[in-house]
Amino acid sequence: MKLGQWIGLLALIASCYILWQIRQALLLLFAAVVIATSLNRLARYLQRFRLKRPIAVLLSISFLILIFVGLFLLIVPPFAQQFQQLTQRTPQGIARLNLWLDLIETRFSAQIGQPLPNLDINNIIQQLRPIFNQLLGGAGAFVGNTLGVILSFLLVLVLTLMTLAEPLSYRKAFIQLFPSFYRRRVDGILDECEVALGGWVIGALISMSVISLLSLIGLSVLHVPLPLAHAVVAGLLNLIPNIGPGLSVIPPMTIALLDSPLKSGFVLILYFLIQQFESNLLTPYVMAQQVSLLPAVTLIAQVFFATFFGFLGLLLALPLTVVAQVWIREALIKDILDQWHINPRSLAAIDTAIYEEYEAIGVTQSPPESKPKHKSESPDNTDDSAIETA
């Protein structure tokens, strides 16, 4: 390799290392781009009602802030109150559970004629105490990182506002990073990414709304406290496929356990039925209308981004996959692989090798499509009548 090639290789390695070190910042930037794209589509929709661009953008931002404030007021204070009640009633629940286990032990011991092992929930808690301590330590670390989470949220909000104020300027700056002959093509690919992201946002909002409505109806029928807050949490966690629905069932089951274990079991059955409806009917239909993502690709993307980028990567796995799919389809497949034509001389060499293999195994005549032309045939020696016939 020449000196220039070595310098280029070292520059590429250094660039990859720097990008890896700032991966969390890049994810926050991508989150801001996703939010700005959604708000930009909303602003352009509002402009159809003869609103000026600044007013439409201001209304979009106000709508976003209103949603965040409403979700905070709807979820955090009621859950804090319920958590306080949960800590006060936990000893009563443990005593009731011990009584229930003693009753089961007495009945089964009388039926089988021998005593069962003593099941005391207090002993089980003592054995699980190291795990609880570890979880509390993780919770303490999370509380310690709360300031970092708030700063990250503010950074995303500021980047969203800056990107939404002048989207064309930032878009042109990104396009300038590519060679001049490919910039118009990159502009078209960015249009495809915007359409794909918009379709994903619409599909996600539809799925969240349906899941929240079904959860609200089911929890209200079961008389579980805070049905609206639980329904909103279920809808929000639906943004994380395969994992979010499992996490969303924990709060309502825990609160329903304050009333009775039977009600907690009914909550589990309710969420299982909603999840089956969502995964087998709702999501395939909605996402097929908006974006086409294979379930296996979605799962692999979640595992990949969660492994390398943590919880933020898991949260942004689907929009990252949507954008990556557009770039792979447009830049790699259409612009490179579909244009990768075989040289006619290379094709003739392949046909010659196939013909020689047929002769080596004793086949006197090769198939018509693979039999090569004689080397003596050339454009200079071709009969004029053959050219006229062609």
Protein backbone atom coordinates (compact mmCIF):
# COMPACT_ATOMS: atom_id res chain seq x y z
CA MET A 1 0.00 0.00 0.00
CA LYS A 2 1.11 3.50 -0.78
CA LEU A 3 1.55 6.24 1.80
CA GLY A 4 -1.72 7.93 0.82
CA GLN A 5 -3.62 4.66 1.21
CA TRP A 6 -2.12 4.10 4.66
CA ILE A 7 -3.11 7.62 5.68
CA GLY A 8 -6.64 7.04 4.39
CA LEU A 9 -6.89 3.75 6.31
CA LEU A 10 -5.68 5.35 9.54
CA ALA A 11 -8.12 8.24 9.06
CA LEU A 12 -10.98 5.74 8.57
CA ILE A 13 -10.02 3.83 11.74
CA ALA A 14 -9.76 7.06 13.73
CA SER A 15 -13.15 8.22 12.43
CA CYS A 16 -14.80 4.92 13.39
CA TYR A 17 -13.25 5.14 16.87
CA ILE A 18 -14.47 8.71 17.37
CA LEU A 19 -17.98 7.82 16.18
CA TRP A 20 -18.06 4.88 18.58
CA GLN A 21 -17.04 7.08 21.50
CA ILE A 22 -19.81 9.60 20.76
CA ARG A 23 -22.47 6.99 19.91
CA GLN A 24 -24.81 8.16 22.69
CA ALA A 25 -24.67 11.73 21.41
CA LEU A 26 -25.40 10.49 17.88
CA LEU A 27 -28.42 8.57 19.18
CA LEU A 28 -29.71 11.71 20.88
CA LEU A 29 -29.21 13.59 17.62
CA PHE A 30 -31.14 10.91 15.76
CA ALA A 31 -33.97 11.11 18.33
CA ALA A 32 -34.11 14.86 17.75
CA VAL A 33 -34.25 14.29 13.98
CA VAL A 34 -37.15 11.83 14.36
CA ILE A 35 -39.12 14.25 16.54
CA ALA A 36 -38.30 17.19 14.26
CA THR A 37 -39.40 15.20 11.20
CA SER A 38 -42.74 14.37 12.83
CA LEU A 39 -43.32 17.98 13.92
CA ASN A 40 -42.29 19.24 10.49
CA ARG A 41 -44.92 17.04 8.86
CA LEU A 42 -47.48 18.39 11.34
CA ALA A 43 -46.41 21.96 10.60
CA ARG A 44 -46.72 21.42 6.86
CA TYR A 45 -50.18 19.96 7.44
CA LEU A 46 -51.18 23.05 9.42
CA GLN A 47 -49.85 25.25 6.63
CA ARG A 48 -52.61 23.89 4.41
CA PHE A 49 -55.01 25.99 6.48
CA ARG A 50 -53.23 29.14 5.25
CA LEU A 51 -51.07 29.46 8.34
CA LYS A 52 -47.60 30.93 8.03
CA ARG A 53 -44.61 28.71 8.65
CA PRO A 54 -43.56 30.27 12.03
CA ILE A 55 -47.09 30.00 13.42
CA ALA A 56 -47.44 26.39 12.25
CA VAL A 57 -44.09 25.49 13.83
CA LEU A 58 -45.06 27.24 17.08
CA LEU A 59 -48.34 25.30 17.22
CA SER A 60 -46.50 22.02 16.60
CA ILE A 61 -44.01 22.71 19.39
CA SER A 62 -46.82 23.74 21.75
CA PHE A 63 -48.62 20.50 20.96
CA LEU A 64 -45.48 18.50 21.80
CA ILE A 65 -44.92 20.32 25.10
CA LEU A 66 -48.58 19.90 26.02
CA ILE A 67 -48.31 16.15 25.45
CA PHE A 68 -45.21 15.84 27.65
CA VAL A 69 -46.74 17.88 30.48
CA GLY A 70 -50.01 15.98 30.28
CA LEU A 71 -48.29 12.60 30.38
CA PHE A 72 -46.21 13.65 33.38
CA LEU A 73 -49.23 14.91 35.34
CA LEU A 74 -51.26 11.86 34.38
CA ILE A 75 -48.70 9.20 35.27
CA VAL A 76 -46.23 10.38 37.91
CA PRO A 77 -48.40 11.73 40.81
CA PRO A 78 -50.94 8.84 40.83
CA PHE A 79 -48.19 6.23 40.63
CA ALA A 80 -46.31 7.88 43.48
CA GLN A 81 -49.45 7.75 45.63
CA GLN A 82 -50.12 4.13 44.71
CA PHE A 83 -46.51 3.21 45.44
CA GLN A 84 -46.84 4.70 48.90
CA GLN A 85 -49.99 2.65 49.50
CA LEU A 86 -48.20 -0.41 48.18
CA THR A 87 -45.36 -0.05 50.68
CA GLN A 88 -47.86 0.36 53.52
CA ARG A 89 -49.98 -2.64 52.56
CA THR A 90 -47.14 -4.99 51.61
CA PRO A 91 -46.92 -6.55 55.12
CA GLN A 92 -50.66 -7.23 55.04
CA GLY A 93 -50.32 -8.85 51.65
CA ILE A 94 -47.44 -11.04 52.85
CA ALA A 95 -49.48 -12.16 55.88
CA ARG A 96 -52.48 -12.96 53.67
CA LEU A 97 -50.25 -14.89 51.26
CA ASN A 98 -48.73 -16.89 54.14
CA LEU A 99 -52.24 -17.78 55.34
CA TRP A 100 -53.21 -18.87 51.84
CA LEU A 101 -50.07 -21.04 51.52
CA ASP A 102 -50.74 -22.66 54.91
CA LEU A 103 -54.27 -23.52 53.82
CA ILE A 104 -52.98 -25.11 50.60
CA GLU A 105 -50.34 -27.05 52.53
CA THR A 106 -52.92 -28.40 55.00
CA ARG A 107 -55.32 -29.56 52.29
CA PHE A 108 -52.71 -31.23 50.10
CA SER A 109 -50.99 -32.86 53.07
CA ALA A 110 -54.30 -34.43 54.10
CA GLN A 111 -54.90 -35.72 50.57
CA ILE A 112 -51.47 -37.24 49.90
CA GLY A 113 -50.91 -38.44 53.48
CA GLN A 114 -47.56 -36.77 54.03
CA PRO A 115 -46.52 -33.25 54.98
CA LEU A 116 -45.43 -30.84 52.27
CA PRO A 117 -42.35 -28.63 52.58
CA ASN A 118 -42.97 -25.56 54.68
CA LEU A 119 -43.65 -22.60 52.38
CA ASP A 120 -43.12 -19.37 54.27
CA ILE A 121 -43.02 -16.22 52.22
CA ASN A 122 -40.76 -14.56 54.79
CA ASN A 123 -38.11 -17.26 54.27
CA ILE A 124 -38.40 -16.78 50.52
CA ILE A 125 -37.90 -13.03 50.95
CA GLN A 126 -34.81 -13.67 53.08
CA GLN A 127 -33.36 -15.85 50.32
CA LEU A 128 -34.17 -13.24 47.69
CA ARG A 129 -32.78 -10.36 49.74
CA PRO A 130 -29.41 -10.27 47.84
CA ILE A 131 -31.33 -9.87 44.60
CA PHE A 132 -33.44 -7.09 46.14
CA ASN A 133 -30.29 -5.34 47.34
CA GLN A 134 -28.81 -5.54 43.87
CA LEU A 135 -31.98 -4.10 42.36
CA LEU A 136 -32.01 -1.30 44.92
CA GLY A 137 -28.40 -0.55 44.06
CA GLY A 138 -29.38 -0.34 40.40
CA ALA A 139 -32.28 1.91 41.32
CA GLY A 140 -29.88 4.14 43.26
CA ALA A 141 -27.62 4.33 40.24
CA PHE A 142 -30.65 5.27 38.14
CA VAL A 143 -31.60 8.02 40.58
CA GLY A 144 -27.99 9.19 40.50
CA ASN A 145 -28.17 9.41 36.72
CA THR A 146 -31.46 11.30 36.81
CA LEU A 147 -29.63 14.57 36.19
CA GLY A 148 -28.01 13.03 33.11
CA VAL A 149 -31.41 11.88 31.84
CA ILE A 150 -32.87 15.36 32.31
CA LEU A 151 -29.92 16.96 30.52
CA SER A 152 -30.23 14.46 27.66
CA PHE A 153 -33.94 15.25 27.37
CA LEU A 154 -33.23 18.98 27.27
CA LEU A 155 -30.51 18.43 24.66
CA VAL A 156 -32.93 16.49 22.46
CA LEU A 157 -35.54 19.23 22.89
CA VAL A 158 -33.07 21.99 21.95
CA LEU A 159 -31.78 20.05 18.94
CA THR A 160 -35.36 19.43 17.84
CA LEU A 161 -36.20 23.12 18.00
CA MET A 162 -33.03 24.11 16.14
CA THR A 163 -33.58 21.49 13.44
CA LEU A 164 -37.24 22.41 13.08
CA ALA A 165 -36.43 26.11 12.73
CA GLU A 166 -34.23 25.64 9.63
CA PRO A 167 -34.59 22.06 8.34
CA LEU A 168 -33.34 22.84 4.82
CA SER A 169 -30.07 24.34 6.06
CA TYR A 170 -29.17 21.25 8.10
CA ARG A 171 -30.26 19.01 5.25
CA LYS A 172 -28.00 20.81 2.79
CA ALA A 173 -25.11 20.60 5.25
CA PHE A 174 -25.61 16.82 5.52
CA ILE A 175 -25.78 16.42 1.74
CA GLN A 176 -22.49 18.29 1.38
CA LEU A 177 -20.74 15.38 3.12
CA PHE A 178 -21.22 13.25 -0.03
CA PRO A 179 -19.44 13.52 -3.40
CA SER A 180 -20.91 16.06 -5.80
CA PHE A 181 -22.07 13.46 -8.33
CA TYR A 182 -24.13 11.66 -5.64
CA ARG A 183 -25.70 14.62 -3.81
CA ARG A 184 -28.90 14.73 -5.84
CA ARG A 185 -29.36 11.01 -5.20
CA VAL A 186 -28.80 11.54 -1.46
CA ASP A 187 -31.47 14.23 -1.51
CA GLY A 188 -33.92 11.71 -2.97
CA ILE A 189 -32.94 9.09 -0.38
CA LEU A 190 -33.57 11.60 2.41
CA ASP A 191 -37.05 12.16 0.96
CA GLU A 192 -37.63 8.40 1.14
CA CYS A 193 -36.40 8.35 4.75
CA GLU A 194 -38.76 11.17 5.66
CA VAL A 195 -41.72 9.32 4.15
CA ALA A 196 -40.72 6.08 5.90
CA LEU A 197 -40.28 7.79 9.27
CA GLY A 198 -43.61 9.54 8.86
CA GLY A 199 -45.30 6.23 8.09
CA TRP A 200 -43.72 4.63 11.13
CA VAL A 201 -44.83 7.47 13.39
CA ILE A 202 -48.42 7.23 12.12
CA GLY A 203 -48.45 3.44 12.55
CA ALA A 204 -46.97 3.72 16.05
CA LEU A 205 -49.57 6.32 17.07
CA ILE A 206 -52.40 4.13 15.80
CA SER A 207 -51.08 1.08 17.67
CA MET A 208 -50.54 3.09 20.86
CA SER A 209 -54.06 4.51 20.72
CA VAL A 210 -55.70 1.11 20.19
CA ILE A 211 -53.64 -0.55 22.94
CA SER A 212 -54.39 2.28 25.36
CA LEU A 213 -58.12 2.12 24.61
CA LEU A 214 -58.32 -1.66 25.05
CA SER A 215 -56.31 -1.50 28.27
CA LEU A 216 -58.52 1.29 29.61
CA ILE A 217 -61.70 -0.67 28.90
CA GLY A 218 -60.34 -3.92 30.36
CA LEU A 219 -58.91 -2.36 33.52
CA SER A 220 -62.10 -0.38 34.09
CA VAL A 221 -64.15 -3.58 33.86
CA LEU A 222 -61.83 -5.26 36.38
CA HIS A 223 -62.04 -2.21 38.70
CA VAL A 224 -58.27 -1.79 38.85
CA PRO A 225 -57.21 1.58 40.32
CA LEU A 226 -55.76 4.20 37.95
CA PRO A 227 -56.98 2.57 34.72
CA LEU A 228 -56.21 5.64 32.57
CA ALA A 229 -52.61 5.92 33.82
CA HIS A 230 -52.01 2.19 33.28
CA ALA A 231 -53.52 2.40 29.81
CA VAL A 232 -51.25 5.32 28.84
CA VAL A 233 -48.19 3.45 30.12
CA ALA A 234 -49.22 0.37 28.10
CA GLY A 235 -49.54 2.50 24.98
CA LEU A 236 -46.18 4.20 25.49
CA LEU A 237 -44.33 0.96 26.17
CA ASN A 238 -45.85 -0.46 23.00
CA LEU A 239 -43.16 1.59 21.21
CA ILE A 240 -40.75 -1.15 22.32
CA PRO A 241 -42.02 -4.32 20.58
CA ASN A 242 -41.61 -7.74 22.23
CA ILE A 243 -40.33 -6.18 25.49
CA GLY A 244 -42.57 -3.20 26.22
CA PRO A 245 -45.84 -5.18 26.58
CA GLY A 246 -44.21 -7.45 29.16
CA LEU A 247 -43.07 -4.45 31.16
CA SER A 248 -46.44 -2.71 30.94
CA VAL A 249 -48.26 -5.52 32.78
CA ILE A 250 -46.16 -5.18 35.96
CA PRO A 251 -47.70 -1.95 37.41
CA PRO A 252 -51.39 -2.95 37.07
CA MET A 253 -50.70 -6.47 38.35
CA THR A 254 -48.86 -5.08 41.37
CA ILE A 255 -51.63 -2.63 42.23
CA ALA A 256 -54.36 -5.23 41.60
CA LEU A 257 -52.55 -7.52 44.03
CA LEU A 258 -53.50 -5.07 46.79
CA ASP A 259 -57.13 -6.14 46.34
CA SER A 260 -56.75 -9.86 45.64
CA PRO A 261 -54.41 -12.30 43.85
CA LEU A 262 -57.33 -13.35 41.65
CA LYS A 263 -57.71 -9.85 40.26
CA SER A 264 -53.98 -9.72 39.54
CA GLY A 265 -54.32 -12.96 37.57
CA PHE A 266 -57.20 -11.50 35.56
CA VAL A 267 -55.03 -8.49 34.73
CA LEU A 268 -52.34 -10.83 33.42
CA ILE A 269 -54.89 -12.65 31.24
CA LEU A 270 -56.24 -9.32 29.96
CA TYR A 271 -52.81 -8.06 28.91
CA PHE A 272 -51.97 -11.43 27.33
CA LEU A 273 -55.10 -11.24 25.15
CA ILE A 274 -54.36 -7.63 24.20
CA GLN A 275 -50.79 -8.57 23.30
CA GLN A 276 -51.99 -11.45 21.11
CA PHE A 277 -54.40 -9.13 19.32
CA GLU A 278 -51.69 -6.52 18.85
CA SER A 279 -48.98 -8.87 17.59
CA ASN A 280 -51.16 -11.06 15.35
CA LEU A 281 -53.74 -8.63 13.96
CA LEU A 282 -53.12 -4.96 14.72
CA THR A 283 -49.40 -4.49 14.11
CA PRO A 284 -49.17 -6.62 10.90
CA TYR A 285 -52.10 -4.73 9.37
CA VAL A 286 -51.08 -1.22 10.46
CA MET A 287 -47.38 -1.56 9.71
CA ALA A 288 -48.13 -3.21 6.36
CA GLN A 289 -50.00 -0.03 5.42
CA GLN A 290 -47.18 2.25 6.64
CA VAL A 291 -43.80 0.46 6.62
CA SER A 292 -42.75 -3.08 5.73
CA LEU A 293 -40.60 -4.57 8.49
CA LEU A 294 -40.22 -8.30 8.92
CA PRO A 295 -40.76 -9.53 12.52
CA ALA A 296 -37.40 -11.32 12.56
CA VAL A 297 -35.64 -8.17 11.35
CA THR A 298 -37.36 -6.17 14.09
CA LEU A 299 -36.25 -8.59 16.80
CA ILE A 300 -32.67 -8.78 15.52
CA ALA A 301 -32.51 -4.98 15.34
CA GLN A 302 -33.71 -4.69 18.94
CA VAL A 303 -31.12 -7.16 20.18
CA PHE A 304 -28.35 -5.45 18.17
CA PHE A 305 -29.10 -1.87 19.19
CA ALA A 306 -29.81 -2.80 22.82
CA THR A 307 -26.51 -4.70 23.03
CA PHE A 308 -24.34 -1.95 21.59
CA PHE A 309 -26.23 1.21 22.58
CA GLY A 310 -28.17 0.30 25.74
CA PHE A 311 -31.72 1.32 26.59
CA LEU A 312 -31.69 4.34 24.27
CA GLY A 313 -30.74 2.06 21.38
CA LEU A 314 -33.60 -0.29 22.30
CA LEU A 315 -36.03 2.63 22.35
CA LEU A 316 -34.87 3.88 18.93
CA ALA A 317 -34.42 0.44 17.37
CA LEU A 318 -37.47 0.64 15.10
CA PRO A 319 -36.88 4.12 13.60
CA LEU A 320 -33.20 3.28 13.17
CA THR A 321 -34.19 0.07 11.36
CA VAL A 322 -36.63 1.96 9.15
CA VAL A 323 -33.96 4.47 8.10
CA ALA A 324 -31.32 1.76 7.64
CA GLN A 325 -33.72 -0.23 5.47
CA VAL A 326 -34.25 2.76 3.18
CA TRP A 327 -30.51 3.42 2.82
CA ILE A 328 -29.74 -0.26 2.17
CA ARG A 329 -32.50 -0.54 -0.41
CA GLU A 330 -31.71 2.69 -2.24
CA ALA A 331 -27.94 3.13 -1.91
CA LEU A 332 -26.66 -0.45 -1.68
CA ILE A 333 -29.15 -2.53 -3.66
CA LYS A 334 -30.40 -0.13 -6.34
CA ASP A 335 -27.27 1.98 -6.85
CA ILE A 336 -24.58 -0.69 -6.44
CA LEU A 337 -25.81 -4.26 -6.60
CA ASP A 338 -28.46 -3.76 -9.29
CA GLN A 339 -25.94 -1.85 -11.43
CA TRP A 340 -23.22 -4.45 -10.98
CA HIS A 341 -23.19 -5.86 -14.53
CA ILE A 342 -20.85 -8.69 -15.53
CA ASN A 343 -18.19 -7.89 -18.09
CA PRO A 344 -18.94 -9.76 -21.38
CA ARG A 345 -15.36 -11.04 -21.48
CA SER A 346 -15.76 -12.46 -17.96
CA LEU A 347 -19.06 -14.07 -19.01
CA ALA A 348 -17.37 -15.66 -22.02
CA ALA A 349 -14.62 -17.05 -19.78
CA ILE A 350 -17.28 -18.57 -17.49
CA ASP A 351 -19.03 -20.18 -20.47
CA THR A 352 -15.71 -21.60 -21.69
CA ALA A 353 -14.98 -23.15 -18.29
CA ILE A 354 -18.45 -24.74 -18.20
CA TYR A 355 -17.94 -26.15 -21.71
CA GLU A 356 -14.60 -27.66 -20.73
CA GLU A 357 -16.16 -29.28 -17.64
CA TYR A 358 -18.81 -30.91 -19.85
CA GLU A 359 -16.10 -32.31 -22.14
CA ALA A 360 -14.07 -33.60 -19.14
CA ILE A 361 -16.98 -35.73 -17.85
CA GLY A 362 -17.69 -37.16 -21.29
CA VAL A 363 -20.62 -35.03 -22.39
CA THR A 364 -20.23 -34.46 -26.12
CA GLN A 365 -22.55 -31.46 -26.35
CA SER A 366 -23.09 -28.72 -23.83
CA PRO A 367 -26.46 -27.06 -23.27
CA PRO A 368 -27.25 -24.38 -25.84
CA GLU A 369 -27.25 -21.56 -23.29
CA SER A 370 -23.77 -22.41 -21.98
CA LYS A 371 -21.97 -23.39 -25.23
CA PRO A 372 -19.39 -20.72 -26.04
CA LYS A 373 -18.65 -19.19 -29.33
CA HIS A 374 -15.41 -20.10 -31.13
CA LYS A 375 -12.52 -17.87 -30.40
CA SER A 376 -12.08 -17.25 -34.12
CA GLU A 377 -15.47 -15.54 -34.24
CA SER A 378 -15.10 -11.80 -33.90
CA PRO A 379 -16.94 -8.72 -35.16
CA ASP A 380 -14.38 -8.42 -37.97
CA ASN A 381 -14.96 -11.99 -39.24
CA THR A 382 -18.78 -11.99 -38.93
CA ASP A 383 -20.73 -12.62 -42.13
CA ASP A 384 -22.56 -9.57 -43.48
CA SER A 385 -25.67 -11.65 -44.11
CA ALA A 386 -25.77 -12.60 -40.42
CA ILE A 387 -25.68 -8.92 -39.47
CA GLU A 388 -28.52 -8.16 -41.92
CA THR A 389 -30.55 -11.07 -40.50
CA ALA A 390 -30.01 -9.77 -36.96
